Amino acid sequence: MKRTAPTPSLADKMLDLAADCFDAPTLNALARLRLNPKLTARVDRLAGRANEGELSPREREEYQAYIRTSEMLALIQLRARLKLGLPVSTG
């Protein structure tokens, strides 16, 4: 049975269009972007409190915003790595 490639979603198409706007140095910077230690510590604290069910409403809003933003950034970084021919991490 022949398998067909899945049809890209609208979001996939938009991310691909956005990635086409970046030059190689910008793609490299996006592909390698990481949180600084202070932000990493804050996210770790929020994650720990979330796991214990101890987030205040304000902390919950902050943590959910981080999750949404990090998911979008991960998709942008994937596009950058693919355009540059860099390895794509699976873990």
PDB file of N, CA and C in Angstrom:
ATOM      1  N   MET A   1       0.839  -1.166   0.000  1.00  0.00           N
ATOM      2  CA  MET A   1       0.000   0.000   0.000  1.00  0.00           C
ATOM      3  C   MET A   1       0.893   1.241   0.000  1.00  0.00           C
ATOM      4  N   LYS A   2       0.621   2.166  -0.885  1.00  0.00           N
ATOM      5  CA  LYS A   2       1.413   3.371  -1.013  1.00  0.00           C
ATOM      6  C   LYS A   2       0.981   4.394   0.036  1.00  0.00           C
ATOM      7  N   ARG A   3       1.974   4.946   0.747  1.00  0.00           N
ATOM      8  CA  ARG A   3       1.686   5.974   1.742  1.00  0.00           C
ATOM      9  C   ARG A   3       1.937   7.339   1.123  1.00  0.00           C
ATOM     10  N   THR A   4       1.059   8.248   1.441  1.00  0.00           N
ATOM     11  CA  THR A   4       1.242   9.611   0.961  1.00  0.00           C
ATOM     12  C   THR A   4       1.712  10.476   2.125  1.00  0.00           C
ATOM     13  N   ALA A   5       2.478  11.493   1.801  1.00  0.00           N
ATOM     14  CA  ALA A   5       2.956  12.410   2.832  1.00  0.00           C
ATOM     15  C   ALA A   5       1.776  13.203   3.372  1.00  0.00           C
ATOM     16  N   PRO A   6       1.779  13.472   4.679  1.00  0.00           N
ATOM     17  CA  PRO A   6       0.681  14.262   5.237  1.00  0.00           C
ATOM     18  C   PRO A   6       0.685  15.664   4.645  1.00  0.00           C
ATOM     19  N   THR A   7      -0.495  16.203   4.476  1.00  0.00           N
ATOM     20  CA  THR A   7      -0.630  17.560   3.956  1.00  0.00           C
ATOM     21  C   THR A   7      -0.217  18.539   5.049  1.00  0.00           C
ATOM     22  N   PRO A   8       0.696  19.475   4.721  1.00  0.00           N
ATOM     23  CA  PRO A   8       1.114  20.438   5.749  1.00  0.00           C
ATOM     24  C   PRO A   8      -0.065  21.287   6.222  1.00  0.00           C
ATOM     25  N   SER A   9      -0.075  21.563   7.514  1.00  0.00           N
ATOM     26  CA  SER A   9      -1.127  22.413   8.073  1.00  0.00           C
ATOM     27  C   SER A   9      -0.861  23.875   7.716  1.00  0.00           C
ATOM     28  N   LEU A  10      -1.848  24.704   7.948  1.00  0.00           N
ATOM     29  CA  LEU A  10      -1.692  26.137   7.727  1.00  0.00           C
ATOM     30  C   LEU A  10      -0.548  26.677   8.584  1.00  0.00           C
ATOM     31  N   ALA A  11      -0.470  26.230   9.835  1.00  0.00           N
ATOM     32  CA  ALA A  11       0.610  26.678  10.720  1.00  0.00           C
ATOM     33  C   ALA A  11       1.970  26.266  10.155  1.00  0.00           C
ATOM     34  N   ASP A  12       2.081  25.035   9.640  1.00  0.00           N
ATOM     35  CA  ASP A  12       3.332  24.581   9.032  1.00  0.00           C
ATOM     36  C   ASP A  12       3.716  25.460   7.852  1.00  0.00           C
ATOM     37  N   LYS A  13       2.755  25.768   7.015  1.00  0.00           N
ATOM     38  CA  LYS A  13       3.023  26.608   5.850  1.00  0.00           C
ATOM     39  C   LYS A  13       3.468  28.005   6.270  1.00  0.00           C
ATOM     40  N   MET A  14       2.815  28.565   7.297  1.00  0.00           N
ATOM     41  CA  MET A  14       3.188  29.890   7.773  1.00  0.00           C
ATOM     42  C   MET A  14       4.596  29.894   8.372  1.00  0.00           C
ATOM     43  N   LEU A  15       4.933  28.856   9.130  1.00  0.00           N
ATOM     44  CA  LEU A  15       6.274  28.777   9.701  1.00  0.00           C
ATOM     45  C   LEU A  15       7.332  28.633   8.613  1.00  0.00           C
ATOM     46  N   ASP A  16       7.020  27.862   7.579  1.00  0.00           N
ATOM     47  CA  ASP A  16       7.960  27.730   6.462  1.00  0.00           C
ATOM     48  C   ASP A  16       8.155  29.069   5.751  1.00  0.00           C
ATOM     49  N   LEU A  17       7.071  29.811   5.555  1.00  0.00           N
ATOM     50  CA  LEU A  17       7.173  31.135   4.932  1.00  0.00           C
ATOM     51  C   LEU A  17       8.024  32.071   5.792  1.00  0.00           C
ATOM     52  N   ALA A  18       7.829  32.032   7.086  1.00  0.00           N
ATOM     53  CA  ALA A  18       8.612  32.881   7.989  1.00  0.00           C
ATOM     54  C   ALA A  18      10.084  32.499   7.941  1.00  0.00           C
ATOM     55  N   ALA A  19      10.383  31.215   7.941  1.00  0.00           N
ATOM     56  CA  ALA A  19      11.780  30.761   7.897  1.00  0.00           C
ATOM     57  C   ALA A  19      12.460  31.213   6.613  1.00  0.00           C
ATOM     58  N   ASP A  20      11.704  31.315   5.526  1.00  0.00           N
ATOM     59  CA  ASP A  20      12.282  31.776   4.257  1.00  0.00           C
ATOM     60  C   ASP A  20      12.721  33.238   4.318  1.00  0.00           C
ATOM     61  N   CYS A  21      12.246  33.987   5.303  1.00  0.00           N
ATOM     62  CA  CYS A  21      12.602  35.406   5.433  1.00  0.00           C
ATOM     63  C   CYS A  21      13.949  35.626   6.111  1.00  0.00           C
ATOM     64  N   PHE A  22      14.496  34.602   6.743  1.00  0.00           N
ATOM     65  CA  PHE A  22      15.710  34.769   7.524  1.00  0.00           C
ATOM     66  C   PHE A  22      16.956  34.411   6.731  1.00  0.00           C
ATOM     67  N   ASP A  23      18.034  35.173   6.962  1.00  0.00           N
ATOM     68  CA  ASP A  23      19.317  34.840   6.362  1.00  0.00           C
ATOM     69  C   ASP A  23      20.015  33.790   7.239  1.00  0.00           C
ATOM     70  N   ALA A  24      21.121  33.258   6.752  1.00  0.00           N
ATOM     71  CA  ALA A  24      21.813  32.176   7.457  1.00  0.00           C
ATOM     72  C   ALA A  24      22.246  32.561   8.876  1.00  0.00           C
ATOM     73  N   PRO A  25      22.815  33.754   9.115  1.00  0.00           N
ATOM     74  CA  PRO A  25      23.181  34.094  10.498  1.00  0.00           C
ATOM     75  C   PRO A  25      21.974  34.137  11.448  1.00  0.00           C
ATOM     76  N   THR A  26      20.847  34.629  10.965  1.00  0.00           N
ATOM     77  CA  THR A  26      19.647  34.669  11.805  1.00  0.00           C
ATOM     78  C   THR A  26      19.140  33.260  12.064  1.00  0.00           C
ATOM     79  N   LEU A  27      19.132  32.415  11.033  1.00  0.00           N
ATOM     80  CA  LEU A  27      18.720  31.022  11.223  1.00  0.00           C
ATOM     81  C   LEU A  27      19.624  30.330  12.229  1.00  0.00           C
ATOM     82  N   ASN A  28      20.935  30.572  12.144  1.00  0.00           N
ATOM     83  CA  ASN A  28      21.875  29.979  13.104  1.00  0.00           C
ATOM     84  C   ASN A  28      21.575  30.448  14.520  1.00  0.00           C
ATOM     85  N   ALA A  29      21.331  31.744  14.698  1.00  0.00           N
ATOM     86  CA  ALA A  29      21.032  32.275  16.027  1.00  0.00           C
ATOM     87  C   ALA A  29      19.742  31.659  16.583  1.00  0.00           C
ATOM     88  N   LEU A  30      18.731  31.530  15.738  1.00  0.00           N
ATOM     89  CA  LEU A  30      17.469  30.912  16.179  1.00  0.00           C
ATOM     90  C   LEU A  30      17.667  29.446  16.546  1.00  0.00           C
ATOM     91  N   ALA A  31      18.417  28.729  15.725  1.00  0.00           N
ATOM     92  CA  ALA A  31      18.627  27.296  15.958  1.00  0.00           C
ATOM     93  C   ALA A  31      19.351  27.037  17.270  1.00  0.00           C
ATOM     94  N   ARG A  32      20.189  27.973  17.699  1.00  0.00           N
ATOM     95  CA  ARG A  32      21.005  27.780  18.893  1.00  0.00           C
ATOM     96  C   ARG A  32      20.486  28.525  20.128  1.00  0.00           C
ATOM     97  N   LEU A  33      19.362  29.182  19.997  1.00  0.00           N
ATOM     98  CA  LEU A  33      18.809  29.981  21.085  1.00  0.00           C
ATOM     99  C   LEU A  33      18.475  29.104  22.295  1.00  0.00           C
ATOM    100  N   ARG A  34      18.939  29.537  23.462  1.00  0.00           N
ATOM    101  CA  ARG A  34      18.662  28.826  24.712  1.00  0.00           C
ATOM    102  C   ARG A  34      18.342  29.858  25.790  1.00  0.00           C
ATOM    103  N   LEU A  35      17.603  29.444  26.804  1.00  0.00           N
ATOM    104  CA  LEU A  35      17.325  30.316  27.943  1.00  0.00           C
ATOM    105  C   LEU A  35      18.602  30.555  28.730  1.00  0.00           C
ATOM    106  N   ASN A  36      18.712  31.750  29.292  1.00  0.00           N
ATOM    107  CA  ASN A  36      19.860  32.008  30.166  1.00  0.00           C
ATOM    108  C   ASN A  36      19.605  31.330  31.514  1.00  0.00           C
ATOM    109  N   PRO A  37      20.638  31.183  32.346  1.00  0.00           N
ATOM    110  CA  PRO A  37      20.473  30.457  33.614  1.00  0.00           C
ATOM    111  C   PRO A  37      19.393  31.023  34.531  1.00  0.00           C
ATOM    112  N   LYS A  38      19.241  32.343  34.565  1.00  0.00           N
ATOM    113  CA  LYS A  38      18.223  32.946  35.430  1.00  0.00           C
ATOM    114  C   LYS A  38      16.816  32.550  34.975  1.00  0.00           C
ATOM    115  N   LEU A  39      16.561  32.602  33.666  1.00  0.00           N
ATOM    116  CA  LEU A  39      15.248  32.197  33.150  1.00  0.00           C
ATOM    117  C   LEU A  39      15.017  30.705  33.329  1.00  0.00           C
ATOM    118  N   THR A  40      16.065  29.914  33.122  1.00  0.00           N
ATOM    119  CA  THR A  40      15.957  28.466  33.312  1.00  0.00           C
ATOM    120  C   THR A  40      15.571  28.150  34.755  1.00  0.00           C
ATOM    121  N   ALA A  41      16.198  28.847  35.704  1.00  0.00           N
ATOM    122  CA  ALA A  41      15.888  28.628  37.116  1.00  0.00           C
ATOM    123  C   ALA A  41      14.431  28.992  37.406  1.00  0.00           C
ATOM    124  N   ARG A  42      13.939  30.080  36.826  1.00  0.00           N
ATOM    125  CA  ARG A  42      12.551  30.498  37.046  1.00  0.00           C
ATOM    126  C   ARG A  42      11.575  29.446  36.502  1.00  0.00           C
ATOM    127  N   VAL A  43      11.848  28.971  35.294  1.00  0.00           N
ATOM    128  CA  VAL A  43      10.983  27.949  34.692  1.00  0.00           C
ATOM    129  C   VAL A  43      11.013  26.675  35.528  1.00  0.00           C
ATOM    130  N   ASP A  44      12.190  26.295  36.003  1.00  0.00           N
ATOM    131  CA  ASP A  44      12.300  25.093  36.841  1.00  0.00           C
ATOM    132  C   ASP A  44      11.498  25.245  38.133  1.00  0.00           C
ATOM    133  N   ARG A  45      11.549  26.434  38.734  1.00  0.00           N
ATOM    134  CA  ARG A  45      10.758  26.673  39.961  1.00  0.00           C
ATOM    135  C   ARG A  45       9.264  26.569  39.665  1.00  0.00           C
ATOM    136  N   LEU A  46       8.836  27.198  38.571  1.00  0.00           N
ATOM    137  CA  LEU A  46       7.412  27.129  38.212  1.00  0.00           C
ATOM    138  C   LEU A  46       6.992  25.696  37.908  1.00  0.00           C
ATOM    139  N   ALA A  47       7.837  24.957  37.206  1.00  0.00           N
ATOM    140  CA  ALA A  47       7.513  23.559  36.881  1.00  0.00           C
ATOM    141  C   ALA A  47       7.383  22.725  38.148  1.00  0.00           C
ATOM    142  N   GLY A  48       8.294  22.934  39.088  1.00  0.00           N
ATOM    143  CA  GLY A  48       8.218  22.197  40.350  1.00  0.00           C
ATOM    144  C   GLY A  48       6.949  22.511  41.111  1.00  0.00           C
ATOM    145  N   ARG A  49       6.609  23.791  41.173  1.00  0.00           N
ATOM    146  CA  ARG A  49       5.381  24.182  41.861  1.00  0.00           C
ATOM    147  C   ARG A  49       4.147  23.660  41.131  1.00  0.00           C
ATOM    148  N   ALA A  50       4.209  23.641  39.790  1.00  0.00           N
ATOM    149  CA  ALA A  50       3.082  23.103  39.012  1.00  0.00           C
ATOM    150  C   ALA A  50       2.907  21.620  39.295  1.00  0.00           C
ATOM    151  N   ASN A  51       4.002  20.891  39.365  1.00  0.00           N
ATOM    152  CA  ASN A  51       3.926  19.454  39.642  1.00  0.00           C
ATOM    153  C   ASN A  51       3.349  19.166  41.019  1.00  0.00           C
ATOM    154  N   GLU A  52       3.532  20.087  41.948  1.00  0.00           N
ATOM    155  CA  GLU A  52       3.004  19.924  43.304  1.00  0.00           C
ATOM    156  C   GLU A  52       1.614  20.538  43.464  1.00  0.00           C
ATOM    157  N   GLY A  53       1.094  21.155  42.397  1.00  0.00           N
ATOM    158  CA  GLY A  53      -0.222  21.790  42.463  1.00  0.00           C
ATOM    159  C   GLY A  53      -0.225  23.042  43.318  1.00  0.00           C
ATOM    160  N   GLU A  54       0.910  23.746  43.371  1.00  0.00           N
ATOM    161  CA  GLU A  54       1.061  24.891  44.259  1.00  0.00           C
ATOM    162  C   GLU A  54       1.191  26.233  43.536  1.00  0.00           C
ATOM    163  N   LEU A  55       0.844  26.307  42.267  1.00  0.00           N
ATOM    164  CA  LEU A  55       0.969  27.569  41.538  1.00  0.00           C
ATOM    165  C   LEU A  55      -0.156  28.528  41.917  1.00  0.00           C
ATOM    166  N   SER A  56       0.209  29.782  42.101  1.00  0.00           N
ATOM    167  CA  SER A  56      -0.815  30.819  42.275  1.00  0.00           C
ATOM    168  C   SER A  56      -1.425  31.079  40.892  1.00  0.00           C
ATOM    169  N   PRO A  57      -2.566  31.729  40.826  1.00  0.00           N
ATOM    170  CA  PRO A  57      -3.136  32.039  39.502  1.00  0.00           C
ATOM    171  C   PRO A  57      -2.161  32.815  38.612  1.00  0.00           C
ATOM    172  N   ARG A  58      -1.436  33.772  39.179  1.00  0.00           N
ATOM    173  CA  ARG A  58      -0.466  34.550  38.405  1.00  0.00           C
ATOM    174  C   ARG A  58       0.680  33.658  37.908  1.00  0.00           C
ATOM    175  N   GLU A  59       1.165  32.776  38.762  1.00  0.00           N
ATOM    176  CA  GLU A  59       2.231  31.852  38.363  1.00  0.00           C
ATOM    177  C   GLU A  59       1.738  30.884  37.290  1.00  0.00           C
ATOM    178  N   ARG A  60       0.499  30.422  37.431  1.00  0.00           N
ATOM    179  CA  ARG A  60      -0.064  29.509  36.439  1.00  0.00           C
ATOM    180  C   ARG A  60      -0.135  30.191  35.069  1.00  0.00           C
ATOM    181  N   GLU A  61      -0.570  31.436  35.058  1.00  0.00           N
ATOM    182  CA  GLU A  61      -0.637  32.199  33.813  1.00  0.00           C
ATOM    183  C   GLU A  61       0.764  32.368  33.211  1.00  0.00           C
ATOM    184  N   GLU A  62       1.740  32.691  34.050  1.00  0.00           N
ATOM    185  CA  GLU A  62       3.118  32.855  33.587  1.00  0.00           C
ATOM    186  C   GLU A  62       3.661  31.540  33.013  1.00  0.00           C
ATOM    187  N   TYR A  63       3.421  30.448  33.723  1.00  0.00           N
ATOM    188  CA  TYR A  63       3.932  29.139  33.289  1.00  0.00           C
ATOM    189  C   TYR A  63       3.260  28.697  31.985  1.00  0.00           C
ATOM    190  N   GLN A  64       1.962  28.895  31.861  1.00  0.00           N
ATOM    191  CA  GLN A  64       1.259  28.533  30.635  1.00  0.00           C
ATOM    192  C   GLN A  64       1.745  29.371  29.456  1.00  0.00           C
ATOM    193  N   ALA A  65       2.019  30.648  29.696  1.00  0.00           N
ATOM    194  CA  ALA A  65       2.563  31.513  28.637  1.00  0.00           C
ATOM    195  C   ALA A  65       3.939  31.010  28.208  1.00  0.00           C
ATOM    196  N   TYR A  66       4.756  30.592  29.177  1.00  0.00           N
ATOM    197  CA  TYR A  66       6.068  30.025  28.850  1.00  0.00           C
ATOM    198  C   TYR A  66       5.905  28.779  27.967  1.00  0.00           C
ATOM    199  N   ILE A  67       4.976  27.903  28.329  1.00  0.00           N
ATOM    200  CA  ILE A  67       4.772  26.670  27.565  1.00  0.00           C
ATOM    201  C   ILE A  67       4.344  26.987  26.136  1.00  0.00           C
ATOM    202  N   ARG A  68       3.379  27.883  25.974  1.00  0.00           N
ATOM    203  CA  ARG A  68       2.921  28.253  24.623  1.00  0.00           C
ATOM    204  C   ARG A  68       4.065  28.847  23.804  1.00  0.00           C
ATOM    205  N   THR A  69       4.810  29.750  24.409  1.00  0.00           N
ATOM    206  CA  THR A  69       5.910  30.406  23.705  1.00  0.00           C
ATOM    207  C   THR A  69       7.012  29.413  23.369  1.00  0.00           C
ATOM    208  N   SER A  70       7.336  28.529  24.291  1.00  0.00           N
ATOM    209  CA  SER A  70       8.407  27.562  24.029  1.00  0.00           C
ATOM    210  C   SER A  70       8.016  26.570  22.936  1.00  0.00           C
ATOM    211  N   GLU A  71       6.732  26.226  22.855  1.00  0.00           N
ATOM    212  CA  GLU A  71       6.287  25.335  21.781  1.00  0.00           C
ATOM    213  C   GLU A  71       6.456  26.000  20.418  1.00  0.00           C
ATOM    214  N   MET A  72       6.089  27.292  20.320  1.00  0.00           N
ATOM    215  CA  MET A  72       6.242  28.013  19.052  1.00  0.00           C
ATOM    216  C   MET A  72       7.724  28.177  18.716  1.00  0.00           C
ATOM    217  N   LEU A  73       8.523  28.523  19.708  1.00  0.00           N
ATOM    218  CA  LEU A  73       9.952  28.678  19.468  1.00  0.00           C
ATOM    219  C   LEU A  73      10.576  27.356  19.010  1.00  0.00           C
ATOM    220  N   ALA A  74      10.147  26.248  19.576  1.00  0.00           N
ATOM    221  CA  ALA A  74      10.674  24.948  19.164  1.00  0.00           C
ATOM    222  C   ALA A  74      10.366  24.675  17.693  1.00  0.00           C
ATOM    223  N   LEU A  75       9.175  25.052  17.247  1.00  0.00           N
ATOM    224  CA  LEU A  75       8.824  24.867  15.835  1.00  0.00           C
ATOM    225  C   LEU A  75       9.670  25.766  14.936  1.00  0.00           C
ATOM    226  N   ILE A  76       9.900  27.001  15.370  1.00  0.00           N
ATOM    227  CA  ILE A  76      10.746  27.921  14.601  1.00  0.00           C
ATOM    228  C   ILE A  76      12.169  27.395  14.544  1.00  0.00           C
ATOM    229  N   GLN A  77      12.670  26.898  15.680  1.00  0.00           N
ATOM    230  CA  GLN A  77      14.031  26.352  15.702  1.00  0.00           C
ATOM    231  C   GLN A  77      14.151  25.129  14.800  1.00  0.00           C
ATOM    232  N   LEU A  78      13.129  24.302  14.773  1.00  0.00           N
ATOM    233  CA  LEU A  78      13.143  23.140  13.880  1.00  0.00           C
ATOM    234  C   LEU A  78      13.265  23.584  12.436  1.00  0.00           C
ATOM    235  N   ARG A  79      12.458  24.575  12.041  1.00  0.00           N
ATOM    236  CA  ARG A  79      12.531  25.074  10.661  1.00  0.00           C
ATOM    237  C   ARG A  79      13.932  25.619  10.363  1.00  0.00           C
ATOM    238  N   ALA A  80      14.499  26.362  11.314  1.00  0.00           N
ATOM    239  CA  ALA A  80      15.841  26.922  11.116  1.00  0.00           C
ATOM    240  C   ALA A  80      16.867  25.812  10.938  1.00  0.00           C
ATOM    241  N   ARG A  81      16.813  24.794  11.782  1.00  0.00           N
ATOM    242  CA  ARG A  81      17.773  23.694  11.693  1.00  0.00           C
ATOM    243  C   ARG A  81      17.618  22.941  10.362  1.00  0.00           C
ATOM    244  N   LEU A  82      16.394  22.737   9.932  1.00  0.00           N
ATOM    245  CA  LEU A  82      16.166  22.042   8.665  1.00  0.00           C
ATOM    246  C   LEU A  82      16.710  22.850   7.489  1.00  0.00           C
ATOM    247  N   LYS A  83      16.460  24.167   7.495  1.00  0.00           N
ATOM    248  CA  LYS A  83      16.943  25.019   6.405  1.00  0.00           C
ATOM    249  C   LYS A  83      18.466  25.057   6.354  1.00  0.00           C
ATOM    250  N   LEU A  84      19.100  24.955   7.512  1.00  0.00           N
ATOM    251  CA  LEU A  84      20.562  24.987   7.575  1.00  0.00           C
ATOM    252  C   LEU A  84      21.194  23.616   7.382  1.00  0.00           C
ATOM    253  N   GLY A  85      20.378  22.575   7.341  1.00  0.00           N
ATOM    254  CA  GLY A  85      20.908  21.218   7.201  1.00  0.00           C
ATOM    255  C   GLY A  85      21.585  20.713   8.480  1.00  0.00           C
ATOM    256  N   LEU A  86      21.191  21.285   9.628  1.00  0.00           N
ATOM    257  CA  LEU A  86      21.752  20.854  10.911  1.00  0.00           C
ATOM    258  C   LEU A  86      20.995  19.628  11.410  1.00  0.00           C
ATOM    259  N   PRO A  87      21.633  18.846  12.279  1.00  0.00           N
ATOM    260  CA  PRO A  87      20.916  17.697  12.837  1.00  0.00           C
ATOM    261  C   PRO A  87      19.710  18.147  13.650  1.00  0.00           C
ATOM    262  N   VAL A  88      18.679  17.348  13.613  1.00  0.00           N
ATOM    263  CA  VAL A  88      17.446  17.630  14.348  1.00  0.00           C
ATOM    264  C   VAL A  88      17.399  16.691  15.540  1.00  0.00           C
ATOM    265  N   SER A  89      17.377  17.278  16.731  1.00  0.00           N
ATOM    266  CA  SER A  89      17.340  16.485  17.945  1.00  0.00           C
ATOM    267  C   SER A  89      15.979  15.827  18.097  1.00  0.00           C
ATOM    268  N   THR A  90      15.978  14.581  18.528  1.00  0.00           N
ATOM    269  CA  THR A  90      14.711  13.878  18.758  1.00  0.00           C
ATOM    270  C   THR A  90      14.460  13.691  20.230  1.00  0.00           C
ATOM    271  N   GLY A  91      15.311  14.213  21.068  1.00  0.00           N
ATOM    272  CA  GLY A  91      15.107  14.012  22.485  1.00  0.00           C
ATOM    273  C   GLY A  91      15.328  15.163  23.337  1.00  0.00           C
TER     274      GLY A  91
END
